[in-house]
C-alpha atoms as a PDB file:
ATOM      1  CA  UNK A   1       0.000   0.000   0.000  1.00  0.00           C
ATOM      2  CA  UNK A   2       1.421   3.417  -0.904  1.00  0.00           C
ATOM      3  CA  UNK A   3       2.121   5.746   1.984  1.00  0.00           C
ATOM      4  CA  UNK A   4       2.227   9.521   1.950  1.00  0.00           C
ATOM      5  CA  UNK A   5       5.826  10.657   2.287  1.00  0.00           C
ATOM      6  CA  UNK A   6       7.174   7.561   0.518  1.00  0.00           C
ATOM      7  CA  UNK A   7       8.095   7.088  -3.155  1.00  0.00           C
ATOM      8  CA  UNK A   8       5.002   6.617  -5.308  1.00  0.00           C
ATOM      9  CA  UNK A   9       4.631   3.167  -6.882  1.00  0.00           C
ATOM     10  CA  UNK A  10       6.226   3.113 -10.310  1.00  0.00           C
ATOM     11  CA  UNK A  11       4.130   2.491 -13.419  1.00  0.00           C
ATOM     12  CA  UNK A  12       4.240   2.379 -17.197  1.00  0.00           C
ATOM     13  CA  UNK A  13       0.875   2.234 -18.955  1.00  0.00           C
ATOM     14  CA  UNK A  14      -0.567   2.513 -22.458  1.00  0.00           C
ATOM     15  CA  UNK A  15      -2.178   5.914 -22.927  1.00  0.00           C
ATOM     16  CA  UNK A  16      -4.070   8.279 -25.172  1.00  0.00           C
ATOM     17  CA  UNK A  17      -1.081  10.631 -25.399  1.00  0.00           C
ATOM     18  CA  UNK A  18      -1.074   9.907 -29.137  1.00  0.00           C
ATOM     19  CA  UNK A  19      -4.756   9.380 -29.846  1.00  0.00           C
ATOM     20  CA  UNK A  20      -4.133   8.271 -33.430  1.00  0.00           C
ATOM     21  CA  UNK A  21      -1.630   5.463 -32.839  1.00  0.00           C
ATOM     22  CA  UNK A  22      -2.116   4.767 -29.111  1.00  0.00           C
ATOM     23  CA  UNK A  23       1.576   3.875 -29.185  1.00  0.00           C
ATOM     24  CA  UNK A  24       2.752   6.269 -26.435  1.00  0.00           C
ATOM     25  CA  UNK A  25       2.967   5.018 -22.889  1.00  0.00           C
ATOM     26  CA  UNK A  26       3.033   7.120 -19.739  1.00  0.00           C
ATOM     27  CA  UNK A  27       5.239   6.370 -16.768  1.00  0.00           C
ATOM     28  CA  UNK A  28       5.978   7.919 -13.411  1.00  0.00           C
ATOM     29  CA  UNK A  29       9.398   8.908 -14.801  1.00  0.00           C
ATOM     30  CA  UNK A  30       7.715  11.047 -17.482  1.00  0.00           C
ATOM     31  CA  UNK A  31       6.529  13.399 -14.750  1.00  0.00           C
ATOM     32  CA  UNK A  32       9.848  13.907 -12.928  1.00  0.00           C
ATOM     33  CA  UNK A  33      10.395  17.586 -12.281  1.00  0.00           C
ATOM     34  CA  UNK A  34       6.653  18.360 -12.236  1.00  0.00           C
ATOM     35  CA  UNK A  35       3.795  17.739  -9.873  1.00  0.00           C
ATOM     36  CA  UNK A  36       1.499  14.920 -10.948  1.00  0.00           C
ATOM     37  CA  UNK A  37      -2.191  14.726 -10.103  1.00  0.00           C
ATOM     38  CA  UNK A  38      -3.128  11.139 -10.911  1.00  0.00           C
ATOM     39  CA  UNK A  39      -6.680   9.972 -10.466  1.00  0.00           C
ATOM     40  CA  UNK A  40      -8.280   6.569 -10.858  1.00  0.00           C
ATOM     41  CA  UNK A  41     -11.890   6.192 -11.925  1.00  0.00           C
ATOM     42  CA  UNK A  42     -14.061   3.064 -12.300  1.00  0.00           C
ATOM     43  CA  UNK A  43     -15.153   2.866 -15.959  1.00  0.00           C
ATOM     44  CA  UNK A  44     -15.437   4.662 -19.261  1.00  0.00           C
ATOM     45  CA  UNK A  45     -18.916   5.432 -20.609  1.00  0.00           C
ATOM     46  CA  UNK A  46     -20.514   5.671 -17.154  1.00  0.00           C
ATOM     47  CA  UNK A  47     -22.283   8.353 -15.126  1.00  0.00           C
ATOM     48  CA  UNK A  48     -20.083  10.009 -12.470  1.00  0.00           C
ATOM     49  CA  UNK A  49     -16.747   9.431 -14.235  1.00  0.00           C
ATOM     50  CA  UNK A  50     -17.271  11.871 -17.117  1.00  0.00           C
ATOM     51  CA  UNK A  51     -18.305  14.613 -14.696  1.00  0.00           C
ATOM     52  CA  UNK A  52     -14.924  14.317 -12.979  1.00  0.00           C
ATOM     53  CA  UNK A  53     -12.858  13.993 -16.152  1.00  0.00           C
ATOM     54  CA  UNK A  54     -14.578  16.969 -17.754  1.00  0.00           C
ATOM     55  CA  UNK A  55     -14.393  19.069 -14.572  1.00  0.00           C
ATOM     56  CA  UNK A  56     -10.618  18.579 -14.594  1.00  0.00           C
ATOM     57  CA  UNK A  57     -10.456  19.290 -18.338  1.00  0.00           C
ATOM     58  CA  UNK A  58     -12.383  22.524 -17.887  1.00  0.00           C
ATOM     59  CA  UNK A  59      -9.738  23.688 -15.383  1.00  0.00           C
ATOM     60  CA  UNK A  60      -6.614  22.077 -16.837  1.00  0.00           C
ATOM     61  CA  UNK A  61      -4.903  25.450 -17.267  1.00  0.00           C
ATOM     62  CA  UNK A  62      -5.058  25.996 -13.492  1.00  0.00           C
ATOM     63  CA  UNK A  63      -3.161  22.731 -12.974  1.00  0.00           C
ATOM     64  CA  UNK A  64      -0.593  23.722 -15.600  1.00  0.00           C
ATOM     65  CA  UNK A  65      -0.214  27.147 -13.976  1.00  0.00           C
ATOM     66  CA  UNK A  66       0.807  25.256 -10.807  1.00  0.00           C
ATOM     67  CA  UNK A  67       3.434  23.258 -12.757  1.00  0.00           C
ATOM     68  CA  UNK A  68       1.268  20.139 -12.472  1.00  0.00           C
ATOM     69  CA  UNK A  69       0.325  17.520 -15.019  1.00  0.00           C
ATOM     70  CA  UNK A  70      -2.826  15.410 -14.819  1.00  0.00           C
ATOM     71  CA  UNK A  71      -3.289  11.732 -15.614  1.00  0.00           C
ATOM     72  CA  UNK A  72      -6.569   9.817 -15.514  1.00  0.00           C
ATOM     73  CA  UNK A  73      -6.428   6.028 -15.089  1.00  0.00           C
ATOM     74  CA  UNK A  74      -8.986   3.245 -15.302  1.00  0.00           C
ATOM     75  CA  UNK A  75      -8.891  -0.488 -15.912  1.00  0.00           C
ATOM     76  CA  UNK A  76     -10.535  -0.047 -19.325  1.00  0.00           C
ATOM     77  CA  UNK A  77      -8.516  -0.564 -22.494  1.00  0.00           C
ATOM     78  CA  UNK A  78      -6.767   2.259 -24.312  1.00  0.00           C
ATOM     79  CA  UNK A  79      -9.134   1.549 -27.243  1.00  0.00           C
ATOM     80  CA  UNK A  80     -12.171   2.219 -25.066  1.00  0.00           C
ATOM     81  CA  UNK A  81     -10.517   5.424 -23.829  1.00  0.00           C
ATOM     82  CA  UNK A  82     -10.013   6.542 -27.440  1.00  0.00           C
ATOM     83  CA  UNK A  83     -13.612   5.760 -28.382  1.00  0.00           C
ATOM     84  CA  UNK A  84     -14.865   7.775 -25.388  1.00  0.00           C
ATOM     85  CA  UNK A  85     -12.637  10.759 -26.235  1.00  0.00           C
ATOM     86  CA  UNK A  86     -13.723  10.621 -29.879  1.00  0.00           C
ATOM     87  CA  UNK A  87     -17.383  10.740 -28.831  1.00  0.00           C
ATOM     88  CA  UNK A  88     -18.753  14.273 -28.519  1.00  0.00           C
ATOM     89  CA  UNK A  89     -19.853  15.576 -25.116  1.00  0.00           C
ATOM     90  CA  UNK A  90     -23.371  16.015 -26.528  1.00  0.00           C
ATOM     91  CA  UNK A  91     -23.436  12.253 -27.202  1.00  0.00           C
ATOM     92  CA  UNK A  92     -22.257  11.294 -23.675  1.00  0.00           C
ATOM     93  CA  UNK A  93     -18.616  11.257 -24.668  1.00  0.00           C
ATOM     94  CA  UNK A  94     -15.683  13.317 -23.479  1.00  0.00           C
ATOM     95  CA  UNK A  95     -14.628  15.089 -26.628  1.00  0.00           C
ATOM     96  CA  UNK A  96     -11.016  16.261 -26.876  1.00  0.00           C
ATOM     97  CA  UNK A  97      -8.907  16.159 -23.702  1.00  0.00           C
ATOM     98  CA  UNK A  98      -5.748  18.110 -22.905  1.00  0.00           C
ATOM     99  CA  UNK A  99      -4.366  15.354 -20.701  1.00  0.00           C
ATOM    100  CA  UNK A 100      -3.990  11.611 -21.254  1.00  0.00           C
ATOM    101  CA  UNK A 101      -6.042   8.727 -19.985  1.00  0.00           C
ATOM    102  CA  UNK A 102      -4.026   5.616 -19.158  1.00  0.00           C
ATOM    103  CA  UNK A 103      -5.191   2.024 -19.472  1.00  0.00           C
ATOM    104  CA  UNK A 104      -4.466  -0.223 -16.496  1.00  0.00           C
ATOM    105  CA  UNK A 105      -5.957  -3.241 -18.264  1.00  0.00           C
ATOM    106  CA  UNK A 106      -3.908  -5.693 -16.149  1.00  0.00           C
ATOM    107  CA  UNK A 107      -5.035  -3.872 -12.982  1.00  0.00           C
ATOM    108  CA  UNK A 108      -1.472  -3.976 -11.631  1.00  0.00           C
ATOM    109  CA  UNK A 109      -1.233  -0.230 -11.034  1.00  0.00           C
ATOM    110  CA  UNK A 110      -4.661   0.036  -9.358  1.00  0.00           C
ATOM    111  CA  UNK A 111      -3.526  -2.835  -7.132  1.00  0.00           C
ATOM    112  CA  UNK A 112      -0.183  -1.096  -6.377  1.00  0.00           C
ATOM    113  CA  UNK A 113      -2.026   2.087  -5.383  1.00  0.00           C
ATOM    114  CA  UNK A 114      -4.481   0.011  -3.328  1.00  0.00           C
ATOM    115  CA  UNK A 115      -7.616   1.190  -5.122  1.00  0.00           C
ATOM    116  CA  UNK A 116      -8.621  -2.008  -6.950  1.00  0.00           C
ATOM    117  CA  UNK A 117     -11.967  -3.581  -6.120  1.00  0.00           C
ATOM    118  CA  UNK A 118     -10.826  -7.118  -6.962  1.00  0.00           C
ATOM    119  CA  UNK A 119     -14.256  -8.753  -7.211  1.00  0.00           C
ATOM    120  CA  UNK A 120     -15.503  -6.074  -9.639  1.00  0.00           C
ATOM    121  CA  UNK A 121     -12.255  -5.486 -11.533  1.00  0.00           C
ATOM    122  CA  UNK A 122     -12.584  -1.699 -11.240  1.00  0.00           C
ATOM    123  CA  UNK A 123     -10.676   1.034  -9.467  1.00  0.00           C
ATOM    124  CA  UNK A 124     -12.143   3.122  -6.681  1.00  0.00           C
ATOM    125  CA  UNK A 125     -11.976   6.893  -7.116  1.00  0.00           C
ATOM    126  CA  UNK A 126      -8.424   7.297  -5.844  1.00  0.00           C
ATOM    127  CA  UNK A 127      -6.614  10.594  -6.260  1.00  0.00           C
ATOM    128  CA  UNK A 128      -2.869  10.934  -5.691  1.00  0.00           C
ATOM    129  CA  UNK A 129      -0.637  13.999  -5.761  1.00  0.00           C
ATOM    130  CA  UNK A 130       2.989  13.147  -6.438  1.00  0.00           C
ATOM    131  CA  UNK A 131       5.734  15.751  -6.071  1.00  0.00           C
ATOM    132  CA  UNK A 132       8.452  16.500  -8.663  1.00  0.00           C
ATOM    133  CA  UNK A 133      10.813  13.979  -7.008  1.00  0.00           C
ATOM    134  CA  UNK A 134       8.283  11.139  -7.256  1.00  0.00           C
ATOM    135  CA  UNK A 135       7.191  11.204  -3.602  1.00  0.00           C
ATOM    136  CA  UNK A 136       3.534  10.643  -2.783  1.00  0.00           C
ATOM    137  CA  UNK A 137       2.287  13.760  -0.952  1.00  0.00           C
ATOM    138  CA  UNK A 138      -1.500  13.281  -0.870  1.00  0.00           C
ATOM    139  CA  UNK A 139      -4.035  10.536  -1.356  1.00  0.00           C
ATOM    140  CA  UNK A 140      -7.780  10.338  -1.012  1.00  0.00           C
ATOM    141  CA  UNK A 141     -10.132   7.533  -1.994  1.00  0.00           C
ATOM    142  CA  UNK A 142     -13.838   8.000  -2.599  1.00  0.00           C
ATOM    143  CA  UNK A 143     -16.698   5.552  -2.852  1.00  0.00           C
ATOM    144  CA  UNK A 144     -17.638   4.632  -6.427  1.00  0.00           C
ATOM    145  CA  UNK A 145     -20.759   6.828  -6.241  1.00  0.00           C
ATOM    146  CA  UNK A 146     -19.080  10.068  -5.089  1.00  0.00           C
ATOM    147  CA  UNK A 147     -17.210  12.380  -7.439  1.00  0.00           C
ATOM    148  CA  UNK A 148     -14.229  14.428  -6.344  1.00  0.00           C
ATOM    149  CA  UNK A 149     -13.893  18.192  -6.052  1.00  0.00           C
ATOM    150  CA  UNK A 150     -11.535  19.947  -8.455  1.00  0.00           C
ATOM    151  CA  UNK A 151     -11.573  22.953  -6.102  1.00  0.00           C
ATOM    152  CA  UNK A 152     -10.297  20.800  -3.235  1.00  0.00           C
ATOM    153  CA  UNK A 153      -7.679  19.116  -5.406  1.00  0.00           C
ATOM    154  CA  UNK A 154      -6.306  22.485  -6.506  1.00  0.00           C
ATOM    155  CA  UNK A 155      -6.422  23.785  -2.910  1.00  0.00           C
ATOM    156  CA  UNK A 156      -4.433  20.804  -1.629  1.00  0.00           C
ATOM    157  CA  UNK A 157      -1.932  21.077  -4.486  1.00  0.00           C
ATOM    158  CA  UNK A 158      -1.348  24.740  -3.643  1.00  0.00           C
ATOM    159  CA  UNK A 159      -1.077  23.930   0.067  1.00  0.00           C
ATOM    160  CA  UNK A 160       1.567  21.301  -0.666  1.00  0.00           C
ATOM    161  CA  UNK A 161       3.464  23.816  -2.765  1.00  0.00           C
ATOM    162  CA  UNK A 162       3.173  26.556  -0.089  1.00  0.00           C
ATOM    163  CA  UNK A 163       6.114  25.082   1.785  1.00  0.00           C
ATOM    164  CA  UNK A 164       4.821  25.519   5.308  1.00  0.00           C
ATOM    165  CA  UNK A 165       2.170  24.593   7.828  1.00  0.00           C
ATOM    166  CA  UNK A 166      -1.313  25.088   6.404  1.00  0.00           C
ATOM    167  CA  UNK A 167      -4.140  25.192   8.970  1.00  0.00           C
ATOM    168  CA  UNK A 168      -7.606  23.733   8.425  1.00  0.00           C
ATOM    169  CA  UNK A 169      -9.533  25.503   5.658  1.00  0.00           C
ATOM    170  CA  UNK A 170      -6.338  27.167   4.402  1.00  0.00           C
ATOM    171  CA  UNK A 171      -6.755  28.846   1.032  1.00  0.00           C
ATOM    172  CA  UNK A 172      -4.138  30.255  -1.325  1.00  0.00           C
ATOM    173  CA  UNK A 173      -3.140  33.674  -0.042  1.00  0.00           C
ATOM    174  CA  UNK A 174      -3.831  32.797   3.608  1.00  0.00           C
ATOM    175  CA  UNK A 175      -0.978  32.971   6.086  1.00  0.00           C
ATOM    176  CA  UNK A 176       0.918  29.857   7.037  1.00  0.00           C
ATOM    177  CA  UNK A 177       1.180  28.850  10.682  1.00  0.00           C
ATOM    178  CA  UNK A 178       4.260  29.974  12.539  1.00  0.00           C
ATOM    179  CA  UNK A 179       5.708  28.297  15.596  1.00  0.00           C
END
C-alpha cells in the first residue's frame, strides 16, 4: 500500500497521449520535475466518471499554472478510452482532452495504489498527488458513487506547494502557521 511521504509506486501504462496510434505510454518517470495529479476512476462510458474527467479538463490550465500535469487512469482498455474521447460531449462522450487517460488493463497499477476492487475489476476513485521527485504527498479515496472536487484538489496542491504549515480551511493567499 502506498504511503504519503514515501516514493510513489512506479508504473508504465498505455495511454491516449497519441490518440491516433495509441503507441505512447506514460510512466511515473515522465513526470519527474513536475507535480502529478493522478486519479483513478471506475469505468469509461458511465455516469459520475465523465463529470470528474470533464471538470478537470475545464480547469486544466489551473493545474498547468501550478506546474502540475494530470493523468486519468482506469482499468478499461486504451481503445475504449479513445472511443470515449472521440465521442462528442453532446453524445455522452468526453470530446477532446488536454491530458492523457491511461489504461491499467492488467489492474497492476490500481492494485499497487491500493484502489482495486478485486471482485468487480474496477478502481475506486483514488486521487494521488505526487511531487516532482516522485514522492507521494496526498491521497484520497472516494466511494464509487461520489465524485471528487476539483476545487479541493487544486487547494491541496497549492497547500503542498506553499512550503509551510497550512491550517484547516487554508486557502491560497492565507498565512501559514508559525511556531
